[in-house]
Amino acid sequence: MQPYIKYYANGLSTDILRQLYTNMLKPRLIEEKMLVLLRQGKISKWFSGIGQEAIAVGVTMALHPEEYILPMHRNLGVFTTRNVPLYKLFSQWQGKASGFTKGRDRSFHFGTQYYKIVGMISHLGPQLGVADGIALASKLKAKKHVTAVFTGEGGTSEGDFHEALNVASVWQLPVLFCIENNGYGLSTPTSEQYNCENLADRGVGYGMESHSIDGNNIIEVYTKVAAIADSIRINPRPVLIEFKTFRIRGHEEASGTKYVPQDLMDAWAKKDPLENFQSYLKEENVIDKAFEVEIKTRIVHEINEHLEVAFNEEAIDANLINELNDVFKPFEYKHITCKSNSKNIRFVDAISEGLKQSMARYNDLIIMGQDIADYGGVFKITEGFVKAFGKDRVRNTPICESAIVETAMGLSIAGIKSVVEMQFADFVSSGFNL
């Protein structure tokens, strides 16, 4: 087969080319097995990423293992490239206790700190703000890390997308915003979703560098993202990347693809990232039939072996103690006795003093909110805080409650305490999507 995609090895070694191929093949073979299990009733649902493997694999290989990735439900390649044990994934999708959510969810709404993967948020937009928080933590700790976060072209219409990009740009956070533009938001084509030629063009409005990449070309994805990531580590800043690809299966398997014109489906089928790359590697004598068979056999054996482990796992024995232990964090109560004379002060002053004491006690505690820096906040709670603790820790924010709540969550994931000031109680509802 003559490849429909033009590849340029750009000096990549044989080992890297083979690894790119292997890492794309693995999620493809897993997906094909999951679709069989779905029809057999052994898993309950599936969101297919077949045809989009090059994006997840290329981005993940371009990042360092210690750098966070926030994937979506079509990014199986993120998990497999990070070498998450397959039996854990299979147990997750079968609702078994060994799954990451201990049977409470059968999809991709899970994360793992060990592999630096943060589980997707169904609303899509909010996870972009969470990436801001993780990136802010990296910048404050001078780690020189990149945080990559995924969304689809549909998610770019949400307000959280715009808030997250704006915050990242204003604060120059080291985030890779990855848009998988796969043609349809469930059944809604891109022509009915946005009125610009390329979603990458939106980066201009935020003063942000942006790129549009062929999402089916694994070499282009890997080399360009690796170069961008290296640059961000040296010069922290956000970058918006639009990956052009296509969803050749339904939004999820139950929805089908009847709304997609057949000629469009046929055209993109010819651009299959795995089949084209495999043909290219054979033409270049990087792999041969024997290598292909060996790798497929090894992966299929691994899949079957780990499926057996998941199948043999006993059903969940739910009990109240286990459930509550996963809700409430254990803690040791410490009684603090006041060592000085108490005094009567206003409630607002007590809040200010409490925050000031906490800022002094925890030297990485961050306070974020509108007008809280030099102005001291509309109620003057943080007056004088900038002089005492500096603007890195006392941060004025744009008017975007949702993104700042999300940023606080990201900071927490990365191990930094934070406080968010909402000027008025009704503003809190903006953060409910999280």
Protein backbone atom coordinates (compact mmCIF):
# COMPACT_ATOMS: atom_id res chain seq x y z
CA MET A 1 0.00 0.00 0.00
CA GLN A 2 1.31 3.45 -0.94
CA PRO A 3 0.95 5.77 2.10
CA TYR A 4 -1.57 8.60 1.73
CA ILE A 5 0.38 10.55 4.34
CA LYS A 6 3.76 12.10 3.55
CA TYR A 7 6.35 11.23 6.19
CA TYR A 8 9.75 12.79 6.76
CA ALA A 9 11.83 10.93 9.34
CA ASN A 10 13.74 14.11 10.30
CA GLY A 11 16.67 12.13 11.61
CA LEU A 12 14.62 9.94 13.94
CA SER A 13 16.37 6.71 14.86
CA THR A 14 15.09 3.28 13.94
CA ASP A 15 14.33 2.63 17.61
CA ILE A 16 12.15 5.75 17.89
CA LEU A 17 10.29 4.95 14.66
CA ARG A 18 9.59 1.43 15.85
CA GLN A 19 8.49 2.71 19.25
CA LEU A 20 6.07 5.15 17.63
CA TYR A 21 4.61 2.28 15.62
CA THR A 22 4.38 -0.07 18.61
CA ASN A 23 2.78 2.58 20.80
CA MET A 24 0.10 3.23 18.18
CA LEU A 25 -0.51 -0.45 17.54
CA LYS A 26 -1.14 -1.27 21.19
CA PRO A 27 -4.19 0.97 21.78
CA ARG A 28 -5.57 -0.06 18.37
CA LEU A 29 -5.45 -3.75 19.31
CA ILE A 30 -6.92 -3.04 22.74
CA GLU A 31 -9.77 -1.09 21.17
CA GLU A 32 -10.54 -3.85 18.69
CA LYS A 33 -10.76 -6.27 21.62
CA MET A 34 -12.95 -3.89 23.64
CA LEU A 35 -15.41 -3.58 20.76
CA VAL A 36 -15.77 -7.36 20.80
CA LEU A 37 -16.28 -7.35 24.57
CA LEU A 38 -18.85 -4.58 24.22
CA ARG A 39 -20.92 -6.73 21.87
CA GLN A 40 -20.60 -9.61 24.33
CA GLY A 41 -21.86 -7.43 27.19
CA LYS A 42 -18.59 -7.68 29.13
CA ILE A 43 -18.10 -3.91 29.15
CA SER A 44 -20.93 -1.41 29.22
CA LYS A 45 -19.79 1.41 26.91
CA TRP A 46 -16.92 2.53 24.76
CA PHE A 47 -15.65 5.81 23.30
CA SER A 48 -13.47 4.93 20.35
CA GLY A 49 -10.25 6.69 19.45
CA ILE A 50 -9.54 4.49 16.44
CA GLY A 51 -7.93 6.70 13.80
CA GLN A 52 -6.70 9.25 16.35
CA GLU A 53 -3.92 7.25 17.98
CA ALA A 54 -1.12 9.38 16.54
CA ILE A 55 -2.15 12.37 18.66
CA ALA A 56 -2.25 10.68 22.06
CA VAL A 57 0.89 8.65 21.39
CA GLY A 58 2.88 11.48 19.80
CA VAL A 59 2.10 13.99 22.55
CA THR A 60 2.79 11.50 25.35
CA MET A 61 6.11 10.41 23.88
CA ALA A 62 7.13 14.06 23.49
CA LEU A 63 6.58 14.72 27.20
CA HIS A 64 8.71 13.54 30.10
CA PRO A 65 7.26 10.86 32.42
CA GLU A 66 7.10 13.31 35.34
CA GLU A 67 5.02 15.84 33.36
CA TYR A 68 1.24 15.84 33.76
CA ILE A 69 -1.20 14.95 30.98
CA LEU A 70 -4.94 15.60 31.17
CA PRO A 71 -6.51 13.35 28.50
CA MET A 72 -10.05 12.75 27.27
CA HIS A 73 -12.05 9.61 26.59
CA ARG A 74 -10.42 8.97 23.18
CA ASN A 75 -6.86 9.12 24.45
CA LEU A 76 -6.23 5.48 25.35
CA GLY A 77 -2.78 5.94 23.84
CA VAL A 78 -1.84 8.25 26.72
CA PHE A 79 -2.42 5.47 29.25
CA THR A 80 -0.73 2.72 27.23
CA THR A 81 2.26 4.89 26.30
CA ARG A 82 2.71 5.72 29.99
CA ASN A 83 2.72 1.93 30.57
CA VAL A 84 -0.31 1.82 32.85
CA PRO A 85 -0.86 -1.90 33.65
CA LEU A 86 -3.53 -3.26 31.31
CA TYR A 87 -5.32 -5.28 33.99
CA LYS A 88 -5.94 -2.02 35.86
CA LEU A 89 -7.51 -0.51 32.75
CA PHE A 90 -9.58 -3.64 32.05
CA SER A 91 -10.77 -3.76 35.66
CA GLN A 92 -11.72 -0.09 35.38
CA TRP A 93 -13.89 -0.70 32.31
CA GLN A 94 -15.53 -3.73 33.88
CA GLY A 95 -16.34 -1.95 37.13
CA LYS A 96 -14.01 -4.09 39.25
CA ALA A 97 -12.37 -3.08 42.52
CA SER A 98 -8.87 -3.06 40.99
CA GLY A 99 -9.93 -0.29 38.62
CA PHE A 100 -8.84 3.23 39.36
CA THR A 101 -12.29 4.27 40.59
CA LYS A 102 -12.89 0.96 42.41
CA GLY A 103 -15.96 0.15 40.33
CA ARG A 104 -17.66 3.53 40.64
CA ASP A 105 -17.17 4.38 36.97
CA ARG A 106 -16.61 2.29 33.85
CA SER A 107 -15.13 4.90 31.57
CA PHE A 108 -12.14 7.25 31.42
CA HIS A 109 -13.14 9.48 34.34
CA PHE A 110 -10.11 8.52 36.37
CA GLY A 111 -6.58 9.64 36.97
CA THR A 112 -3.44 8.34 38.59
CA GLN A 113 -0.85 10.44 40.36
CA TYR A 114 1.72 7.67 39.92
CA TYR A 115 1.60 8.04 36.12
CA LYS A 116 0.91 11.80 36.25
CA ILE A 117 -2.44 11.46 34.48
CA VAL A 118 -5.45 13.54 35.57
CA GLY A 119 -8.86 12.07 34.77
CA MET A 120 -11.11 13.81 32.29
CA ILE A 121 -14.02 16.05 33.33
CA SER A 122 -17.14 15.36 31.28
CA HIS A 123 -17.81 19.05 30.70
CA LEU A 124 -14.44 19.13 28.85
CA GLY A 125 -13.77 22.84 29.32
CA PRO A 126 -13.02 22.74 33.08
CA GLN A 127 -10.03 20.43 32.76
CA LEU A 128 -8.20 23.14 30.81
CA GLY A 129 -8.25 25.35 33.89
CA VAL A 130 -7.00 22.47 36.02
CA ALA A 131 -4.00 22.26 33.68
CA ASP A 132 -3.38 25.95 34.38
CA GLY A 133 -3.08 25.18 38.09
CA ILE A 134 -0.64 22.31 37.57
CA ALA A 135 1.43 24.48 35.24
CA LEU A 136 1.40 27.36 37.74
CA ALA A 137 2.75 25.00 40.40
CA SER A 138 5.52 23.93 38.02
CA LYS A 139 6.41 27.55 37.29
CA LEU A 140 6.42 28.60 40.95
CA LYS A 141 8.64 25.63 41.86
CA ALA A 142 10.91 26.27 38.83
CA LYS A 143 10.52 22.65 37.72
CA LYS A 144 10.69 23.45 33.98
CA HIS A 145 7.83 21.05 33.30
CA VAL A 146 5.19 21.15 30.56
CA THR A 147 1.55 20.28 31.23
CA ALA A 148 -0.49 18.92 28.31
CA VAL A 149 -4.28 19.03 28.31
CA PHE A 150 -6.68 17.71 25.67
CA THR A 151 -10.06 18.88 24.47
CA GLY A 152 -12.10 18.40 21.33
CA GLU A 153 -13.18 21.06 18.87
CA GLY A 154 -16.59 20.98 20.58
CA GLY A 155 -15.04 21.91 23.92
CA THR A 156 -13.53 25.07 22.42
CA SER A 157 -17.00 26.62 22.35
CA GLU A 158 -17.29 26.45 26.13
CA GLY A 159 -16.56 29.47 28.27
CA ASP A 160 -14.05 27.54 30.35
CA PHE A 161 -11.86 27.13 27.25
CA HIS A 162 -11.58 30.89 26.82
CA GLU A 163 -11.06 31.54 30.52
CA ALA A 164 -8.30 28.94 30.76
CA LEU A 165 -6.44 30.24 27.71
CA ASN A 166 -6.69 33.81 28.93
CA VAL A 167 -5.34 32.98 32.40
CA ALA A 168 -2.52 30.89 30.93
CA SER A 169 -1.54 33.72 28.61
CA VAL A 170 -1.70 36.47 31.24
CA TRP A 171 0.37 34.40 33.67
CA GLN A 172 2.58 32.83 30.95
CA LEU A 173 1.96 29.29 32.15
CA PRO A 174 3.75 26.32 30.53
CA VAL A 175 0.65 24.59 29.12
CA LEU A 176 0.15 22.73 25.85
CA PHE A 177 -3.52 23.16 24.94
CA CYS A 178 -4.22 20.27 22.56
CA ILE A 179 -7.38 20.42 20.44
CA GLU A 180 -8.37 17.18 18.74
CA ASN A 181 -10.41 18.55 15.85
CA ASN A 182 -12.06 15.33 14.69
CA GLY A 183 -14.87 16.77 12.58
CA TYR A 184 -17.91 16.26 14.78
CA GLY A 185 -19.17 17.17 18.24
CA LEU A 186 -21.29 14.05 18.64
CA SER A 187 -23.28 14.63 15.39
CA THR A 188 -22.68 18.36 14.91
CA PRO A 189 -20.16 19.06 12.12
CA THR A 190 -17.49 21.70 12.56
CA SER A 191 -19.27 23.97 10.06
CA GLU A 192 -21.98 24.42 12.69
CA GLN A 193 -19.61 24.77 15.64
CA TYR A 194 -17.34 27.69 14.80
CA ASN A 195 -16.90 30.31 12.10
CA CYS A 196 -13.15 30.40 11.51
CA GLU A 197 -10.90 28.38 9.25
CA ASN A 198 -8.60 26.98 11.92
CA LEU A 199 -9.16 26.77 15.66
CA ALA A 200 -5.44 27.47 16.03
CA ASP A 201 -6.21 31.00 14.82
CA ARG A 202 -7.88 31.70 18.16
CA GLY A 203 -4.47 31.78 19.79
CA VAL A 204 -3.88 35.22 18.27
CA GLY A 205 -6.69 36.68 20.35
CA TYR A 206 -4.93 35.62 23.52
CA GLY A 207 -1.45 36.69 22.47
CA MET A 208 -0.57 33.02 22.33
CA GLU A 209 1.61 31.01 19.99
CA SER A 210 -0.42 28.46 18.04
CA HIS A 211 0.06 25.67 15.50
CA SER A 212 -2.10 23.52 13.25
CA ILE A 213 -0.76 19.97 12.84
CA ASP A 214 -1.78 16.91 10.82
CA GLY A 215 -3.07 14.76 13.68
CA ASN A 216 -2.84 11.57 11.62
CA ASN A 217 0.88 11.97 10.92
CA ILE A 218 2.67 10.44 13.89
CA ILE A 219 6.09 11.79 12.92
CA GLU A 220 4.77 15.33 12.54
CA VAL A 221 2.93 15.14 15.85
CA TYR A 222 5.87 13.72 17.76
CA THR A 223 8.64 15.92 16.33
CA LYS A 224 6.71 19.20 16.42
CA VAL A 225 5.31 18.67 19.91
CA ALA A 226 8.72 17.57 21.20
CA ALA A 227 10.32 20.73 19.80
CA ILE A 228 7.57 22.95 21.23
CA ALA A 229 7.78 21.23 24.62
CA ASP A 230 11.54 21.67 24.77
CA SER A 231 11.09 25.36 23.99
CA ILE A 232 8.44 25.78 26.70
CA ARG A 233 10.71 24.20 29.30
CA ILE A 234 13.28 26.90 28.57
CA ASN A 235 10.81 29.75 28.03
CA PRO A 236 7.60 29.04 30.01
CA ARG A 237 4.48 30.03 28.06
CA PRO A 238 1.22 28.51 26.80
CA VAL A 239 0.94 27.11 23.27
CA LEU A 240 -2.28 26.19 21.46
CA ILE A 241 -2.08 23.21 19.10
CA GLU A 242 -4.88 22.12 16.79
CA PHE A 243 -4.59 18.54 15.58
CA LYS A 244 -6.58 17.93 12.38
CA THR A 245 -8.02 14.41 12.45
CA PHE A 246 -11.32 12.57 12.08
CA ARG A 247 -13.58 10.41 14.21
CA ILE A 248 -14.35 7.33 12.12
CA ARG A 249 -16.62 5.74 14.73
CA GLY A 250 -19.53 7.17 16.69
CA HIS A 251 -19.24 9.62 19.55
CA GLU A 252 -19.74 6.45 21.54
CA GLU A 253 -20.61 3.10 20.06
CA ALA A 254 -24.38 3.40 20.62
CA SER A 255 -24.66 6.59 18.55
CA GLY A 256 -23.34 5.21 15.25
CA THR A 257 -22.15 7.31 12.30
CA LYS A 258 -25.21 7.62 10.01
CA TYR A 259 -24.88 11.41 10.07
CA VAL A 260 -21.44 11.27 8.38
CA PRO A 261 -21.41 11.39 4.54
CA GLN A 262 -19.90 8.17 3.20
CA ASP A 263 -17.46 9.93 0.86
CA LEU A 264 -16.03 11.84 3.85
CA MET A 265 -15.70 8.62 5.82
CA ASP A 266 -13.97 6.91 2.89
CA ALA A 267 -11.54 9.80 2.40
CA TRP A 268 -10.43 9.76 6.02
CA ALA A 269 -10.25 5.96 6.13
CA LYS A 270 -7.42 6.25 3.59
CA LYS A 271 -5.56 8.47 6.09
CA ASP A 272 -5.57 5.88 8.88
CA PRO A 273 -2.52 6.85 10.99
CA LEU A 274 -1.50 3.30 11.85
CA GLU A 275 -1.90 1.68 8.43
CA ASN A 276 -0.14 4.53 6.65
CA PHE A 277 2.76 4.59 9.09
CA GLN A 278 3.13 0.83 8.89
CA SER A 279 3.35 1.01 5.08
CA TYR A 280 5.92 3.80 5.29
CA LEU A 281 8.10 1.85 7.73
CA LYS A 282 8.02 -1.20 5.47
CA GLU A 283 8.97 0.90 2.44
CA GLU A 284 11.91 2.31 4.39
CA ASN A 285 12.90 -1.16 5.64
CA VAL A 286 12.48 -0.04 9.24
CA ILE A 287 10.16 -2.98 9.91
CA ASP A 288 9.26 -6.11 8.00
CA LYS A 289 6.48 -8.70 8.15
CA ALA A 290 8.31 -10.71 10.79
CA PHE A 291 8.66 -7.66 13.07
CA GLU A 292 4.98 -6.79 12.58
CA VAL A 293 3.86 -10.32 13.48
CA GLU A 294 6.17 -10.46 16.49
CA ILE A 295 4.92 -7.16 17.93
CA LYS A 296 1.26 -7.99 17.32
CA THR A 297 1.65 -11.43 18.91
CA ARG A 298 3.34 -9.94 21.96
CA ILE A 299 0.66 -7.27 22.44
CA VAL A 300 -2.24 -9.70 21.90
CA HIS A 301 -0.71 -12.06 24.46
CA GLU A 302 -0.39 -9.20 26.95
CA ILE A 303 -3.99 -8.16 26.34
CA ASN A 304 -5.33 -11.68 26.85
CA GLU A 305 -3.19 -12.29 29.92
CA HIS A 306 -4.33 -9.09 31.62
CA LEU A 307 -7.95 -9.62 30.60
CA GLU A 308 -7.84 -12.98 32.34
CA VAL A 309 -6.70 -11.26 35.54
CA ALA A 310 -9.56 -8.76 35.30
CA PHE A 311 -12.15 -11.42 34.42
CA ASN A 312 -11.10 -13.57 37.39
CA GLU A 313 -11.33 -10.74 39.88
CA GLU A 314 -14.18 -11.20 42.31
CA ALA A 315 -17.22 -8.93 42.19
CA ILE A 316 -17.16 -5.87 44.42
CA ASP A 317 -18.34 -6.35 47.98
CA ALA A 318 -19.61 -2.88 48.76
CA ASN A 319 -19.74 -1.82 52.40
CA LEU A 320 -20.23 1.48 54.12
CA ILE A 321 -16.82 1.63 55.80
CA ASN A 322 -14.89 1.22 52.55
CA GLU A 323 -17.08 3.74 50.77
CA LEU A 324 -16.72 6.39 53.48
CA ASN A 325 -12.96 5.83 53.74
CA ASP A 326 -12.68 6.87 50.10
CA VAL A 327 -14.74 10.01 50.71
CA PHE A 328 -13.17 11.36 53.88
CA LYS A 329 -9.42 11.78 54.26
CA PRO A 330 -8.08 10.39 57.55
CA PHE A 331 -6.70 13.05 59.84
CA GLU A 332 -5.34 13.45 63.34
CA TYR A 333 -7.18 16.04 65.38
CA LYS A 334 -4.92 18.58 67.03
CA HIS A 335 -6.35 20.79 69.74
CA ILE A 336 -4.82 24.26 69.76
CA THR A 337 -5.03 26.30 72.94
CA CYS A 338 -4.78 30.07 72.67
CA LYS A 339 -1.62 31.21 74.45
CA SER A 340 -2.42 34.92 74.49
CA ASN A 341 -5.27 37.10 75.55
CA SER A 342 -8.15 37.10 73.11
CA LYS A 343 -9.61 40.25 71.67
CA ASN A 344 -12.85 41.24 70.03
CA ILE A 345 -12.39 42.12 66.36
CA ARG A 346 -14.60 42.26 63.30
CA PHE A 347 -15.28 39.02 61.49
CA VAL A 348 -13.66 40.37 58.31
CA ASP A 349 -10.50 41.25 60.26
CA ALA A 350 -10.41 37.76 61.76
CA ILE A 351 -10.45 36.30 58.24
CA SER A 352 -7.60 38.61 57.23
CA GLU A 353 -5.50 37.67 60.26
CA GLY A 354 -6.17 33.96 59.73
CA LEU A 355 -5.08 34.18 56.10
CA LYS A 356 -1.99 36.14 57.03
CA GLN A 357 -1.03 33.52 59.62
CA SER A 358 -1.54 30.76 57.07
CA MET A 359 0.56 32.59 54.47
CA ALA A 360 3.37 32.85 57.02
CA ARG A 361 3.03 29.21 58.06
CA TYR A 362 2.91 27.73 54.55
CA ASN A 363 5.50 29.44 52.38
CA ASP A 364 3.98 28.15 49.13
CA LEU A 365 0.34 29.01 49.91
CA ILE A 366 -1.23 31.00 47.04
CA ILE A 367 -4.16 33.42 47.27
CA MET A 368 -6.00 34.19 44.02
CA GLY A 369 -8.90 36.50 43.29
CA GLN A 370 -10.08 39.67 41.64
CA ASP A 371 -8.53 42.91 42.93
CA ILE A 372 -6.80 41.20 45.87
CA ALA A 373 -3.22 42.32 45.18
CA ASP A 374 -2.29 46.03 45.37
CA TYR A 375 -5.92 47.04 45.91
CA GLY A 376 -6.21 44.68 48.86
CA GLY A 377 -9.58 43.25 47.85
CA VAL A 378 -12.97 44.93 47.82
CA PHE A 379 -13.30 44.20 51.56
CA LYS A 380 -9.59 44.93 52.23
CA ILE A 381 -9.00 41.42 53.57
CA THR A 382 -5.68 41.11 51.71
CA GLU A 383 -4.52 44.69 52.20
CA GLY A 384 -0.76 44.70 52.71
CA PHE A 385 -0.39 41.07 51.59
CA VAL A 386 1.54 41.90 48.42
CA LYS A 387 4.16 43.80 50.41
CA ALA A 388 4.45 40.92 52.88
CA PHE A 389 4.32 37.93 50.52
CA GLY A 390 4.85 39.15 46.95
CA LYS A 391 2.78 39.01 43.77
CA ASP A 392 3.68 35.41 42.97
CA ARG A 393 1.69 34.34 46.01
CA VAL A 394 -0.96 37.07 46.05
CA ARG A 395 -2.32 36.95 42.51
CA ASN A 396 -4.83 39.22 40.83
CA THR A 397 -6.99 37.22 38.43
CA PRO A 398 -9.05 38.17 35.40
CA ILE A 399 -12.82 38.12 35.92
CA CYS A 400 -13.19 34.36 35.50
CA GLU A 401 -14.36 32.54 38.58
CA SER A 402 -14.60 29.17 36.87
CA ALA A 403 -11.00 29.08 35.63
CA ILE A 404 -9.65 30.20 39.00
CA VAL A 405 -11.50 27.46 40.90
CA GLU A 406 -10.09 25.03 38.34
CA THR A 407 -6.61 26.50 38.76
CA ALA A 408 -6.89 25.98 42.52
CA MET A 409 -7.71 22.33 41.90
CA GLY A 410 -4.67 22.00 39.64
CA LEU A 411 -2.45 23.56 42.30
CA SER A 412 -3.78 21.06 44.82
CA ILE A 413 -3.07 18.13 42.48
CA ALA A 414 0.50 19.41 42.17
CA GLY A 415 0.86 19.70 45.95
CA ILE A 416 0.38 23.42 46.53
CA LYS A 417 -2.19 24.88 48.91
CA SER A 418 -4.33 27.71 47.60
CA VAL A 419 -7.12 30.06 48.63
CA VAL A 420 -9.59 31.57 46.17
CA GLU A 421 -11.45 34.74 47.04
CA MET A 422 -14.91 35.07 45.48
CA GLN A 423 -16.02 38.66 45.89
CA PHE A 424 -19.68 37.74 46.37
CA ALA A 425 -21.40 34.46 47.23
CA ASP A 426 -23.39 34.14 44.00
CA PHE A 427 -20.15 34.11 41.99
CA VAL A 428 -19.36 30.68 43.44
CA SER A 429 -21.89 29.00 41.16
CA SER A 430 -19.54 29.62 38.21
CA GLY A 431 -17.30 26.89 39.58
CA PHE A 432 -19.96 24.21 39.93
CA ASN A 433 -18.99 22.39 36.72
CA LEU A 434 -15.82 21.20 38.35
